[in-house]
Amino acid sequence: MSPKSDISIQISGHTELNITFDMTAFIEKILSLKNIQQGSFEFTFVDNETIVSINQQYLDRGYATDIISFNLRSEEHTSEL
């Protein structure tokens, strides 16, 4: 990322990951290609049981999905997260 960018990236995992590349560098490259220079991005990796639970709790869906995203600026979910 360029020195002028104001990017925060946080990665956490609640499951075993077998990642063979620098995930932070990968995310930074994508943000750079998309010309995104500011923001806070949090990635949490979970197992299927956990993602089903999150889907049920916040989105009223009883099944696993590959990705769930929340706009933390949204008033709807901010107090629950």
N, C-alpha and C. Protein backbone atom coordinates (compact mmCIF):
# COMPACT_ATOMS: atom_id res chain seq x y z
N MET A 1 0.84 -1.17 0.00
CA MET A 1 0.00 0.00 0.00
C MET A 1 0.89 1.24 0.00
N SER A 2 0.38 2.31 -0.53
CA SER A 2 1.16 3.53 -0.56
C SER A 2 1.20 4.15 0.83
N PRO A 3 2.20 4.99 1.11
CA PRO A 3 2.31 5.60 2.42
C PRO A 3 1.12 6.48 2.77
N LYS A 4 0.36 6.97 1.78
CA LYS A 4 -0.78 7.85 2.00
C LYS A 4 -2.04 7.08 2.39
N SER A 5 -2.03 5.77 2.28
CA SER A 5 -3.24 5.00 2.57
C SER A 5 -3.48 4.92 4.08
N ASP A 6 -4.75 4.83 4.42
CA ASP A 6 -5.17 4.70 5.82
C ASP A 6 -5.99 3.42 5.93
N ILE A 7 -5.30 2.28 5.87
CA ILE A 7 -5.93 0.97 5.83
C ILE A 7 -5.59 0.21 7.11
N SER A 8 -6.61 -0.43 7.68
CA SER A 8 -6.41 -1.32 8.80
C SER A 8 -6.93 -2.70 8.40
N ILE A 9 -6.08 -3.71 8.54
CA ILE A 9 -6.47 -5.09 8.20
C ILE A 9 -6.25 -5.96 9.42
N GLN A 10 -7.30 -6.69 9.80
CA GLN A 10 -7.20 -7.61 10.93
C GLN A 10 -7.68 -8.99 10.45
N ILE A 11 -6.87 -10.00 10.72
CA ILE A 11 -7.21 -11.37 10.32
C ILE A 11 -7.17 -12.25 11.56
N SER A 12 -8.25 -13.01 11.76
CA SER A 12 -8.28 -13.95 12.87
C SER A 12 -8.92 -15.24 12.39
N GLY A 13 -8.69 -16.31 13.12
CA GLY A 13 -9.25 -17.59 12.72
C GLY A 13 -9.74 -18.38 13.90
N HIS A 14 -10.88 -18.99 13.72
CA HIS A 14 -11.44 -19.85 14.74
C HIS A 14 -11.44 -21.30 14.25
N THR A 15 -10.60 -21.57 13.29
CA THR A 15 -10.46 -22.90 12.73
C THR A 15 -9.03 -23.04 12.23
N GLU A 16 -8.58 -24.26 12.03
CA GLU A 16 -7.23 -24.48 11.52
C GLU A 16 -7.17 -24.07 10.05
N LEU A 17 -6.20 -23.25 9.71
CA LEU A 17 -6.02 -22.81 8.33
C LEU A 17 -4.69 -23.32 7.81
N ASN A 18 -4.70 -23.76 6.57
CA ASN A 18 -3.47 -24.18 5.91
C ASN A 18 -3.21 -23.22 4.75
N ILE A 19 -2.74 -22.04 5.09
CA ILE A 19 -2.53 -20.99 4.09
C ILE A 19 -1.05 -20.93 3.76
N THR A 20 -0.75 -20.95 2.48
CA THR A 20 0.64 -21.01 2.04
C THR A 20 1.11 -19.71 1.40
N PHE A 21 0.40 -18.60 1.70
CA PHE A 21 0.80 -17.30 1.16
C PHE A 21 0.55 -16.23 2.22
N ASP A 22 1.09 -15.05 1.99
CA ASP A 22 0.93 -13.93 2.92
C ASP A 22 -0.44 -13.29 2.68
N MET A 23 -1.41 -13.63 3.53
CA MET A 23 -2.78 -13.18 3.33
C MET A 23 -2.89 -11.66 3.43
N THR A 24 -2.17 -11.02 4.34
CA THR A 24 -2.22 -9.57 4.48
C THR A 24 -1.72 -8.90 3.20
N ALA A 25 -0.61 -9.38 2.66
CA ALA A 25 -0.08 -8.82 1.41
C ALA A 25 -1.07 -9.01 0.26
N PHE A 26 -1.73 -10.16 0.23
CA PHE A 26 -2.73 -10.45 -0.80
C PHE A 26 -3.89 -9.45 -0.71
N ILE A 27 -4.41 -9.23 0.50
CA ILE A 27 -5.52 -8.29 0.69
C ILE A 27 -5.07 -6.87 0.34
N GLU A 28 -3.88 -6.48 0.77
CA GLU A 28 -3.37 -5.16 0.44
C GLU A 28 -3.27 -4.96 -1.07
N LYS A 29 -2.84 -5.98 -1.79
CA LYS A 29 -2.73 -5.90 -3.25
C LYS A 29 -4.10 -5.69 -3.88
N ILE A 30 -5.10 -6.43 -3.42
CA ILE A 30 -6.46 -6.28 -3.97
C ILE A 30 -6.99 -4.88 -3.70
N LEU A 31 -6.81 -4.40 -2.47
CA LEU A 31 -7.28 -3.05 -2.14
C LEU A 31 -6.57 -2.01 -3.01
N SER A 32 -5.29 -2.19 -3.24
CA SER A 32 -4.53 -1.29 -4.09
C SER A 32 -5.04 -1.31 -5.53
N LEU A 33 -5.29 -2.51 -6.06
CA LEU A 33 -5.81 -2.63 -7.43
C LEU A 33 -7.18 -1.98 -7.56
N LYS A 34 -7.96 -2.01 -6.51
CA LYS A 34 -9.29 -1.40 -6.50
C LYS A 34 -9.23 0.08 -6.10
N ASN A 35 -8.02 0.59 -5.87
CA ASN A 35 -7.78 1.98 -5.49
C ASN A 35 -8.51 2.35 -4.19
N ILE A 36 -8.56 1.42 -3.26
CA ILE A 36 -9.15 1.68 -1.95
C ILE A 36 -8.01 2.10 -1.03
N GLN A 37 -8.08 3.32 -0.53
CA GLN A 37 -6.98 3.87 0.26
C GLN A 37 -7.31 4.11 1.71
N GLN A 38 -8.54 3.83 2.10
CA GLN A 38 -8.87 3.97 3.52
C GLN A 38 -9.97 3.00 3.89
N GLY A 39 -9.96 2.61 5.14
CA GLY A 39 -10.99 1.71 5.64
C GLY A 39 -10.41 0.71 6.62
N SER A 40 -11.31 0.05 7.29
CA SER A 40 -10.95 -0.98 8.25
C SER A 40 -11.57 -2.28 7.78
N PHE A 41 -10.75 -3.31 7.65
CA PHE A 41 -11.20 -4.59 7.12
C PHE A 41 -10.83 -5.69 8.10
N GLU A 42 -11.83 -6.47 8.50
CA GLU A 42 -11.61 -7.57 9.44
C GLU A 42 -12.08 -8.87 8.81
N PHE A 43 -11.21 -9.86 8.81
CA PHE A 43 -11.50 -11.17 8.25
C PHE A 43 -11.40 -12.20 9.37
N THR A 44 -12.46 -12.99 9.56
CA THR A 44 -12.46 -14.04 10.56
C THR A 44 -12.85 -15.34 9.87
N PHE A 45 -12.03 -16.35 10.03
CA PHE A 45 -12.27 -17.64 9.41
C PHE A 45 -12.84 -18.60 10.44
N VAL A 46 -13.97 -19.23 10.08
CA VAL A 46 -14.66 -20.11 11.02
C VAL A 46 -15.04 -21.42 10.32
N ASP A 47 -15.42 -22.41 11.12
CA ASP A 47 -15.87 -23.69 10.56
C ASP A 47 -17.34 -23.59 10.17
N ASN A 48 -17.87 -24.64 9.51
CA ASN A 48 -19.25 -24.63 9.03
C ASN A 48 -20.26 -24.47 10.16
N GLU A 49 -20.03 -25.13 11.29
CA GLU A 49 -20.96 -25.03 12.43
C GLU A 49 -21.09 -23.59 12.90
N THR A 50 -19.97 -22.90 12.97
CA THR A 50 -19.98 -21.50 13.44
C THR A 50 -20.66 -20.59 12.42
N ILE A 51 -20.39 -20.79 11.14
CA ILE A 51 -21.00 -19.91 10.14
C ILE A 51 -22.51 -20.13 10.05
N VAL A 52 -22.97 -21.37 10.28
CA VAL A 52 -24.41 -21.63 10.32
C VAL A 52 -25.02 -20.87 11.51
N SER A 53 -24.37 -20.92 12.65
CA SER A 53 -24.85 -20.22 13.84
C SER A 53 -24.93 -18.71 13.61
N ILE A 54 -23.91 -18.13 12.99
CA ILE A 54 -23.91 -16.69 12.69
C ILE A 54 -25.03 -16.36 11.70
N ASN A 55 -25.19 -17.20 10.68
CA ASN A 55 -26.27 -17.00 9.71
C ASN A 55 -27.63 -17.01 10.40
N GLN A 56 -27.83 -17.96 11.32
CA GLN A 56 -29.11 -18.05 12.02
C GLN A 56 -29.34 -16.82 12.91
N GLN A 57 -28.31 -16.44 13.65
CA GLN A 57 -28.44 -15.35 14.62
C GLN A 57 -28.68 -14.00 13.95
N TYR A 58 -27.93 -13.69 12.89
CA TYR A 58 -27.98 -12.34 12.32
C TYR A 58 -28.77 -12.24 11.02
N LEU A 59 -28.90 -13.33 10.27
CA LEU A 59 -29.50 -13.24 8.94
C LEU A 59 -30.70 -14.15 8.76
N ASP A 60 -31.11 -14.86 9.82
CA ASP A 60 -32.28 -15.74 9.79
C ASP A 60 -32.18 -16.79 8.68
N ARG A 61 -30.97 -17.35 8.51
CA ARG A 61 -30.73 -18.42 7.54
C ARG A 61 -30.14 -19.60 8.29
N GLY A 62 -30.63 -20.80 8.01
CA GLY A 62 -30.15 -21.98 8.72
C GLY A 62 -29.19 -22.83 7.92
N TYR A 63 -28.33 -22.21 7.15
CA TYR A 63 -27.40 -22.96 6.32
C TYR A 63 -26.05 -22.25 6.24
N ALA A 64 -25.04 -23.01 5.83
CA ALA A 64 -23.69 -22.47 5.70
C ALA A 64 -23.57 -21.66 4.42
N THR A 65 -22.78 -20.61 4.48
CA THR A 65 -22.42 -19.81 3.31
C THR A 65 -20.91 -19.66 3.29
N ASP A 66 -20.36 -19.33 2.14
CA ASP A 66 -18.92 -19.14 2.03
C ASP A 66 -18.46 -17.86 2.72
N ILE A 67 -19.28 -16.82 2.59
CA ILE A 67 -18.90 -15.50 3.08
C ILE A 67 -20.10 -14.82 3.71
N ILE A 68 -19.85 -14.12 4.81
CA ILE A 68 -20.85 -13.22 5.40
C ILE A 68 -20.15 -11.88 5.58
N SER A 69 -20.81 -10.82 5.18
CA SER A 69 -20.22 -9.49 5.39
C SER A 69 -21.21 -8.61 6.13
N PHE A 70 -20.67 -7.76 6.98
CA PHE A 70 -21.48 -6.80 7.73
C PHE A 70 -20.87 -5.42 7.54
N ASN A 71 -21.71 -4.44 7.29
CA ASN A 71 -21.28 -3.05 7.25
C ASN A 71 -21.30 -2.56 8.69
N LEU A 72 -20.15 -2.38 9.28
CA LEU A 72 -20.09 -1.99 10.68
C LEU A 72 -20.54 -0.56 10.93
N ARG A 73 -20.72 0.20 9.89
CA ARG A 73 -21.27 1.53 10.04
C ARG A 73 -22.80 1.49 10.11
N SER A 74 -23.35 0.33 9.82
CA SER A 74 -24.80 0.16 9.86
C SER A 74 -25.27 0.14 11.30
N GLU A 75 -26.32 0.86 11.60
CA GLU A 75 -26.89 0.88 12.94
C GLU A 75 -27.58 -0.43 13.27
N GLU A 76 -27.99 -1.19 12.25
CA GLU A 76 -28.76 -2.41 12.45
C GLU A 76 -28.02 -3.47 13.22
N HIS A 77 -26.72 -3.69 12.94
CA HIS A 77 -25.97 -4.80 13.56
C HIS A 77 -24.87 -4.33 14.50
N THR A 78 -24.55 -3.06 14.52
CA THR A 78 -23.40 -2.59 15.27
C THR A 78 -23.46 -2.98 16.74
N SER A 79 -24.60 -2.84 17.38
CA SER A 79 -24.68 -3.14 18.82
C SER A 79 -24.62 -4.62 19.09
N GLU A 80 -24.92 -5.46 18.10
CA GLU A 80 -24.96 -6.91 18.30
C GLU A 80 -23.61 -7.57 18.11
N LEU A 81 -22.70 -6.93 17.39
CA LEU A 81 -21.42 -7.57 17.07
C LEU A 81 -20.39 -7.41 18.14
